[in-house]
Amino acid sequence: PVIDSLVKTNGVQFELVKINGGNQTDISKELNINSLPTFIIYKEGKEVWRKEGLTEFNEFVSQL
């Protein structure tokens, strides 16, 4: 529900990319994802934030 709310929120612009960590294991390994869910934010092609586990809406907004 938090991700759905972010997508619907006006004023926060981002592109959401989802991977299935159970099926897309090559991508998970390449991104060094060890637990699910893992959220990663990139700005200008560089990772600037990473969080494993559940995350609150306001934390996402402050990082975006």
N, C-alpha and C. Protein backbone atom coordinates (compact mmCIF):
# COMPACT_ATOMS: atom_id res chain seq x y z
N PRO A 1 0.81 -1.22 0.00
CA PRO A 1 0.00 0.00 0.00
C PRO A 1 0.85 1.27 0.00
N VAL A 2 2.03 1.23 0.61
CA VAL A 2 2.88 2.42 0.65
C VAL A 2 3.37 2.77 -0.75
N ILE A 3 3.79 1.80 -1.51
CA ILE A 3 4.27 2.04 -2.87
C ILE A 3 3.13 2.56 -3.73
N ASP A 4 1.94 1.96 -3.61
CA ASP A 4 0.79 2.44 -4.37
C ASP A 4 0.48 3.89 -4.05
N SER A 5 0.59 4.27 -2.78
CA SER A 5 0.35 5.66 -2.38
C SER A 5 1.40 6.59 -2.99
N LEU A 6 2.65 6.15 -3.02
CA LEU A 6 3.71 6.97 -3.62
C LEU A 6 3.45 7.20 -5.10
N VAL A 7 3.02 6.15 -5.80
CA VAL A 7 2.75 6.27 -7.23
C VAL A 7 1.63 7.27 -7.48
N LYS A 8 0.64 7.32 -6.61
CA LYS A 8 -0.51 8.20 -6.79
C LYS A 8 -0.27 9.62 -6.28
N THR A 9 0.79 9.84 -5.52
CA THR A 9 1.06 11.14 -4.92
C THR A 9 1.54 12.13 -5.96
N ASN A 10 0.90 13.27 -6.00
CA ASN A 10 1.34 14.35 -6.91
C ASN A 10 2.54 15.05 -6.30
N GLY A 11 3.43 15.49 -7.13
CA GLY A 11 4.58 16.26 -6.66
C GLY A 11 5.82 15.42 -6.41
N VAL A 12 5.67 14.12 -6.34
CA VAL A 12 6.82 13.24 -6.15
C VAL A 12 7.02 12.50 -7.47
N GLN A 13 8.07 12.84 -8.19
CA GLN A 13 8.30 12.22 -9.48
C GLN A 13 9.43 11.20 -9.38
N PHE A 14 9.11 9.99 -9.82
CA PHE A 14 10.10 8.92 -9.82
C PHE A 14 9.62 7.84 -10.77
N GLU A 15 10.51 6.96 -11.12
CA GLU A 15 10.17 5.81 -11.93
C GLU A 15 10.30 4.58 -11.05
N LEU A 16 9.24 3.80 -10.98
CA LEU A 16 9.23 2.60 -10.15
C LEU A 16 9.60 1.39 -10.99
N VAL A 17 10.59 0.64 -10.53
CA VAL A 17 10.99 -0.59 -11.20
C VAL A 17 10.90 -1.70 -10.15
N LYS A 18 10.10 -2.72 -10.46
CA LYS A 18 9.95 -3.84 -9.54
C LYS A 18 10.63 -5.07 -10.13
N ILE A 19 11.29 -5.82 -9.26
CA ILE A 19 11.80 -7.12 -9.68
C ILE A 19 11.27 -8.16 -8.70
N ASN A 20 11.14 -9.37 -9.18
CA ASN A 20 10.74 -10.47 -8.33
C ASN A 20 12.00 -11.16 -7.85
N GLY A 21 12.36 -10.89 -6.61
CA GLY A 21 13.62 -11.41 -6.06
C GLY A 21 13.70 -12.92 -6.02
N GLY A 22 12.54 -13.58 -5.98
CA GLY A 22 12.54 -15.04 -5.98
C GLY A 22 12.78 -15.63 -7.35
N ASN A 23 12.33 -14.93 -8.39
CA ASN A 23 12.47 -15.43 -9.75
C ASN A 23 13.65 -14.80 -10.49
N GLN A 24 13.94 -13.56 -10.23
CA GLN A 24 15.00 -12.84 -10.93
C GLN A 24 16.25 -12.79 -10.06
N THR A 25 16.76 -13.96 -9.75
CA THR A 25 17.87 -14.05 -8.81
C THR A 25 19.16 -13.43 -9.33
N ASP A 26 19.37 -13.43 -10.65
CA ASP A 26 20.57 -12.82 -11.21
C ASP A 26 20.60 -11.32 -10.91
N ILE A 27 19.45 -10.67 -11.05
CA ILE A 27 19.37 -9.23 -10.77
C ILE A 27 19.57 -9.00 -9.27
N SER A 28 18.94 -9.83 -8.46
CA SER A 28 19.09 -9.69 -7.00
C SER A 28 20.54 -9.81 -6.58
N LYS A 29 21.26 -10.76 -7.15
CA LYS A 29 22.67 -10.93 -6.82
C LYS A 29 23.49 -9.73 -7.28
N GLU A 30 23.21 -9.25 -8.48
CA GLU A 30 23.95 -8.12 -9.02
C GLU A 30 23.75 -6.86 -8.17
N LEU A 31 22.55 -6.70 -7.62
CA LEU A 31 22.24 -5.54 -6.79
C LEU A 31 22.55 -5.77 -5.32
N ASN A 32 23.10 -6.96 -5.00
CA ASN A 32 23.47 -7.31 -3.63
C ASN A 32 22.27 -7.24 -2.69
N ILE A 33 21.15 -7.81 -3.13
CA ILE A 33 19.94 -7.86 -2.32
C ILE A 33 19.93 -9.17 -1.56
N ASN A 34 19.92 -9.05 -0.22
CA ASN A 34 19.99 -10.22 0.63
C ASN A 34 18.69 -10.53 1.36
N SER A 35 17.77 -9.57 1.44
CA SER A 35 16.49 -9.81 2.08
C SER A 35 15.41 -9.07 1.33
N LEU A 36 14.19 -9.54 1.50
CA LEU A 36 13.05 -8.95 0.81
C LEU A 36 12.05 -8.43 1.82
N PRO A 37 11.45 -7.30 1.59
CA PRO A 37 11.71 -6.42 0.46
C PRO A 37 12.95 -5.58 0.69
N THR A 38 13.56 -5.17 -0.39
CA THR A 38 14.65 -4.20 -0.36
C THR A 38 14.29 -3.07 -1.31
N PHE A 39 14.41 -1.86 -0.84
CA PHE A 39 14.11 -0.68 -1.64
C PHE A 39 15.40 0.07 -1.90
N ILE A 40 15.60 0.46 -3.15
CA ILE A 40 16.81 1.19 -3.53
C ILE A 40 16.38 2.42 -4.32
N ILE A 41 16.95 3.55 -3.99
CA ILE A 41 16.69 4.78 -4.73
C ILE A 41 17.99 5.20 -5.42
N TYR A 42 17.87 5.46 -6.70
CA TYR A 42 18.98 5.95 -7.51
C TYR A 42 18.68 7.38 -7.93
N LYS A 43 19.68 8.22 -7.91
CA LYS A 43 19.58 9.58 -8.45
C LYS A 43 20.76 9.77 -9.39
N GLU A 44 20.43 10.16 -10.61
CA GLU A 44 21.44 10.37 -11.65
C GLU A 44 22.31 9.12 -11.82
N GLY A 45 21.68 7.94 -11.74
CA GLY A 45 22.37 6.69 -11.99
C GLY A 45 23.18 6.13 -10.83
N LYS A 46 23.15 6.82 -9.68
CA LYS A 46 23.92 6.36 -8.53
C LYS A 46 22.98 6.02 -7.37
N GLU A 47 23.29 4.92 -6.70
CA GLU A 47 22.49 4.56 -5.53
C GLU A 47 22.72 5.57 -4.42
N VAL A 48 21.62 6.13 -3.91
CA VAL A 48 21.73 7.13 -2.85
C VAL A 48 21.04 6.70 -1.56
N TRP A 49 20.23 5.63 -1.64
CA TRP A 49 19.52 5.18 -0.45
C TRP A 49 19.11 3.74 -0.64
N ARG A 50 19.19 2.96 0.45
CA ARG A 50 18.80 1.55 0.42
C ARG A 50 18.21 1.21 1.78
N LYS A 51 17.12 0.45 1.74
CA LYS A 51 16.51 0.00 2.99
C LYS A 51 15.95 -1.40 2.80
N GLU A 52 16.24 -2.26 3.74
CA GLU A 52 15.69 -3.60 3.75
C GLU A 52 14.54 -3.63 4.74
N GLY A 53 13.46 -4.29 4.38
CA GLY A 53 12.30 -4.39 5.26
C GLY A 53 11.26 -3.34 4.93
N LEU A 54 10.22 -3.34 5.73
CA LEU A 54 9.12 -2.41 5.50
C LEU A 54 9.55 -0.98 5.75
N THR A 55 8.97 -0.07 4.99
CA THR A 55 9.33 1.34 5.07
C THR A 55 8.08 2.18 5.09
N GLU A 56 8.09 3.22 5.88
CA GLU A 56 6.95 4.13 5.99
C GLU A 56 6.90 5.10 4.81
N PHE A 57 5.71 5.55 4.49
CA PHE A 57 5.47 6.48 3.39
C PHE A 57 6.35 7.73 3.52
N ASN A 58 6.36 8.33 4.71
CA ASN A 58 7.12 9.58 4.90
C ASN A 58 8.62 9.40 4.71
N GLU A 59 9.13 8.22 5.03
CA GLU A 59 10.56 7.97 4.82
C GLU A 59 10.89 7.94 3.34
N PHE A 60 10.01 7.30 2.54
CA PHE A 60 10.21 7.31 1.09
C PHE A 60 10.18 8.73 0.55
N VAL A 61 9.17 9.49 0.94
CA VAL A 61 9.02 10.86 0.43
C VAL A 61 10.25 11.70 0.78
N SER A 62 10.76 11.57 1.98
CA SER A 62 11.93 12.37 2.36
C SER A 62 13.17 11.98 1.58
N GLN A 63 13.26 10.73 1.15
CA GLN A 63 14.42 10.28 0.37
C GLN A 63 14.29 10.63 -1.10
N LEU A 64 13.05 10.72 -1.60
CA LEU A 64 12.86 11.07 -3.00
C LEU A 64 13.08 12.55 -3.20
